[in-house]
Amino acid sequence: MSESVYKIIELVGTSAESWEKAAVNAIETASRHLKDLRVGEVAEMDIHLEDGKIMYRTKLKVSFKYHEDI
């Protein structure tokens, strides 16, 4: 097994439907901008109330692999 290095970042996804959808929104958006996403871990879930409407928020820790340019 080769040695690897990973970067861990935090993302917050939102959804009017569910915490799960909020997590999916965060991962799908990040995957369009970052290469080689590896692991997502739910760190926190909360609800934001705005004008009487509920917005689900999911905070994730997401890792991606660093690649050496060859």
N, C-alpha and C. Protein backbone atom coordinates (compact mmCIF):
# COMPACT_ATOMS: atom_id res chain seq x y z
N MET A 1 0.84 -1.19 0.00
CA MET A 1 0.00 0.00 0.00
C MET A 1 0.88 1.24 0.00
N SER A 2 0.62 2.16 -0.90
CA SER A 2 1.42 3.38 -0.98
C SER A 2 0.97 4.38 0.07
N GLU A 3 1.89 5.28 0.39
CA GLU A 3 1.58 6.32 1.37
C GLU A 3 0.78 7.43 0.70
N SER A 4 -0.15 8.03 1.44
CA SER A 4 -1.00 9.07 0.89
C SER A 4 -1.18 10.20 1.90
N VAL A 5 -1.58 11.34 1.40
CA VAL A 5 -1.90 12.49 2.24
C VAL A 5 -3.28 12.99 1.85
N TYR A 6 -4.09 13.30 2.85
CA TYR A 6 -5.46 13.76 2.62
C TYR A 6 -5.68 15.10 3.31
N LYS A 7 -6.46 15.93 2.70
CA LYS A 7 -6.88 17.21 3.26
C LYS A 7 -8.31 17.05 3.76
N ILE A 8 -8.62 17.57 4.93
CA ILE A 8 -9.97 17.53 5.48
C ILE A 8 -10.51 18.96 5.54
N ILE A 9 -11.70 19.14 4.96
CA ILE A 9 -12.36 20.44 4.99
C ILE A 9 -13.76 20.28 5.56
N GLU A 10 -14.36 21.39 5.96
CA GLU A 10 -15.74 21.37 6.42
C GLU A 10 -16.63 22.03 5.38
N LEU A 11 -17.78 21.43 5.17
CA LEU A 11 -18.79 21.95 4.27
C LEU A 11 -20.11 22.06 5.02
N VAL A 12 -20.94 23.00 4.62
CA VAL A 12 -22.30 23.08 5.14
C VAL A 12 -23.25 23.07 3.96
N GLY A 13 -24.09 22.05 3.91
CA GLY A 13 -25.11 21.96 2.88
C GLY A 13 -26.47 22.32 3.45
N THR A 14 -27.34 22.85 2.60
CA THR A 14 -28.67 23.23 3.05
C THR A 14 -29.73 22.61 2.15
N SER A 15 -30.92 22.45 2.72
CA SER A 15 -32.06 21.91 1.97
C SER A 15 -33.35 22.28 2.69
N ALA A 16 -34.39 22.50 1.93
CA ALA A 16 -35.71 22.73 2.50
C ALA A 16 -36.41 21.40 2.80
N GLU A 17 -35.81 20.26 2.35
CA GLU A 17 -36.45 18.95 2.48
C GLU A 17 -35.97 18.13 3.67
N SER A 18 -34.64 17.99 3.85
CA SER A 18 -34.13 17.09 4.89
C SER A 18 -32.64 17.32 5.13
N TRP A 19 -32.16 16.76 6.26
CA TRP A 19 -30.72 16.80 6.54
C TRP A 19 -29.96 15.97 5.52
N GLU A 20 -30.54 14.83 5.10
CA GLU A 20 -29.88 13.98 4.12
C GLU A 20 -29.69 14.72 2.79
N LYS A 21 -30.73 15.41 2.36
CA LYS A 21 -30.64 16.18 1.11
C LYS A 21 -29.61 17.30 1.24
N ALA A 22 -29.54 17.91 2.42
CA ALA A 22 -28.53 18.95 2.66
C ALA A 22 -27.12 18.38 2.51
N ALA A 23 -26.89 17.17 3.04
CA ALA A 23 -25.58 16.52 2.92
C ALA A 23 -25.28 16.21 1.46
N VAL A 24 -26.26 15.69 0.74
CA VAL A 24 -26.07 15.38 -0.68
C VAL A 24 -25.75 16.65 -1.46
N ASN A 25 -26.44 17.73 -1.18
CA ASN A 25 -26.17 19.00 -1.87
C ASN A 25 -24.71 19.44 -1.66
N ALA A 26 -24.23 19.31 -0.43
CA ALA A 26 -22.85 19.71 -0.13
C ALA A 26 -21.85 18.85 -0.88
N ILE A 27 -22.05 17.53 -0.85
CA ILE A 27 -21.12 16.60 -1.51
C ILE A 27 -21.15 16.78 -3.03
N GLU A 28 -22.34 16.88 -3.60
CA GLU A 28 -22.43 17.03 -5.05
C GLU A 28 -21.79 18.33 -5.53
N THR A 29 -21.98 19.40 -4.79
CA THR A 29 -21.36 20.68 -5.17
C THR A 29 -19.84 20.59 -5.04
N ALA A 30 -19.36 20.05 -3.93
CA ALA A 30 -17.91 19.94 -3.73
C ALA A 30 -17.27 19.05 -4.78
N SER A 31 -17.95 17.98 -5.18
CA SER A 31 -17.37 17.05 -6.15
C SER A 31 -17.20 17.68 -7.53
N ARG A 32 -17.91 18.76 -7.80
CA ARG A 32 -17.72 19.46 -9.07
C ARG A 32 -16.47 20.34 -9.05
N HIS A 33 -15.94 20.61 -7.87
CA HIS A 33 -14.82 21.54 -7.73
C HIS A 33 -13.55 20.89 -7.17
N LEU A 34 -13.69 19.75 -6.51
CA LEU A 34 -12.55 19.07 -5.90
C LEU A 34 -12.40 17.68 -6.50
N LYS A 35 -11.14 17.26 -6.70
CA LYS A 35 -10.88 15.93 -7.23
C LYS A 35 -10.69 14.92 -6.11
N ASP A 36 -11.13 13.73 -6.35
CA ASP A 36 -10.82 12.57 -5.51
C ASP A 36 -11.34 12.70 -4.08
N LEU A 37 -12.62 13.07 -3.93
CA LEU A 37 -13.23 13.06 -2.61
C LEU A 37 -13.24 11.63 -2.09
N ARG A 38 -12.96 11.45 -0.80
CA ARG A 38 -12.83 10.10 -0.26
C ARG A 38 -13.87 9.77 0.80
N VAL A 39 -13.96 10.58 1.86
CA VAL A 39 -14.82 10.25 3.00
C VAL A 39 -15.58 11.50 3.43
N GLY A 40 -16.86 11.31 3.72
CA GLY A 40 -17.67 12.37 4.29
C GLY A 40 -18.19 11.93 5.64
N GLU A 41 -18.08 12.80 6.62
CA GLU A 41 -18.53 12.49 7.98
C GLU A 41 -19.46 13.60 8.45
N VAL A 42 -20.66 13.24 8.87
CA VAL A 42 -21.58 14.25 9.39
C VAL A 42 -21.08 14.70 10.75
N ALA A 43 -20.83 15.99 10.89
CA ALA A 43 -20.32 16.55 12.13
C ALA A 43 -21.43 17.18 12.97
N GLU A 44 -22.43 17.74 12.28
CA GLU A 44 -23.48 18.47 13.01
C GLU A 44 -24.68 18.67 12.10
N MET A 45 -25.85 18.66 12.68
CA MET A 45 -27.07 18.96 11.94
C MET A 45 -27.86 19.98 12.75
N ASP A 46 -28.43 20.97 12.06
CA ASP A 46 -29.28 21.92 12.74
C ASP A 46 -30.35 22.42 11.78
N ILE A 47 -31.22 23.24 12.30
CA ILE A 47 -32.30 23.82 11.51
C ILE A 47 -32.21 25.34 11.61
N HIS A 48 -32.26 25.99 10.49
CA HIS A 48 -32.26 27.45 10.42
C HIS A 48 -33.69 27.88 10.11
N LEU A 49 -34.22 28.76 10.91
CA LEU A 49 -35.58 29.26 10.70
C LEU A 49 -35.52 30.65 10.08
N GLU A 50 -36.21 30.81 8.97
CA GLU A 50 -36.20 32.09 8.28
C GLU A 50 -37.60 32.39 7.77
N ASP A 51 -38.20 33.46 8.28
CA ASP A 51 -39.56 33.85 7.88
C ASP A 51 -40.55 32.70 8.05
N GLY A 52 -40.41 31.95 9.16
CA GLY A 52 -41.33 30.85 9.44
C GLY A 52 -41.07 29.58 8.65
N LYS A 53 -40.04 29.56 7.83
CA LYS A 53 -39.72 28.37 7.02
C LYS A 53 -38.49 27.67 7.59
N ILE A 54 -38.50 26.36 7.49
CA ILE A 54 -37.38 25.56 8.00
C ILE A 54 -36.38 25.30 6.89
N MET A 55 -35.10 25.49 7.20
CA MET A 55 -34.01 25.15 6.30
C MET A 55 -33.10 24.19 7.07
N TYR A 56 -32.99 22.96 6.57
CA TYR A 56 -32.13 21.96 7.20
C TYR A 56 -30.68 22.24 6.79
N ARG A 57 -29.78 22.15 7.78
CA ARG A 57 -28.36 22.37 7.50
C ARG A 57 -27.57 21.18 8.04
N THR A 58 -26.66 20.68 7.23
CA THR A 58 -25.79 19.58 7.64
C THR A 58 -24.35 20.00 7.44
N LYS A 59 -23.57 19.94 8.54
CA LYS A 59 -22.14 20.24 8.47
C LYS A 59 -21.40 18.91 8.30
N LEU A 60 -20.53 18.85 7.30
CA LEU A 60 -19.78 17.64 6.99
C LEU A 60 -18.28 17.91 7.05
N LYS A 61 -17.54 16.91 7.47
CA LYS A 61 -16.09 16.91 7.29
C LYS A 61 -15.84 15.99 6.10
N VAL A 62 -15.16 16.51 5.10
CA VAL A 62 -14.93 15.78 3.86
C VAL A 62 -13.43 15.74 3.58
N SER A 63 -12.95 14.57 3.18
CA SER A 63 -11.52 14.47 2.85
C SER A 63 -11.34 14.22 1.36
N PHE A 64 -10.22 14.73 0.85
CA PHE A 64 -9.83 14.45 -0.53
C PHE A 64 -8.32 14.23 -0.56
N LYS A 65 -7.91 13.46 -1.53
CA LYS A 65 -6.52 13.04 -1.61
C LYS A 65 -5.68 14.05 -2.36
N TYR A 66 -4.48 14.34 -1.80
CA TYR A 66 -3.51 15.15 -2.51
C TYR A 66 -2.80 14.27 -3.54
N HIS A 67 -2.58 14.82 -4.72
CA HIS A 67 -1.86 14.10 -5.77
C HIS A 67 -0.60 14.87 -6.13
N GLU A 68 0.47 14.14 -6.29
CA GLU A 68 1.73 14.76 -6.71
C GLU A 68 1.70 14.90 -8.23
N ASP A 69 2.13 16.05 -8.71
CA ASP A 69 2.25 16.23 -10.14
C ASP A 69 3.47 15.48 -10.64
N ILE A 70 3.28 14.69 -11.67
CA ILE A 70 4.39 13.90 -12.19
C ILE A 70 4.82 14.46 -13.53
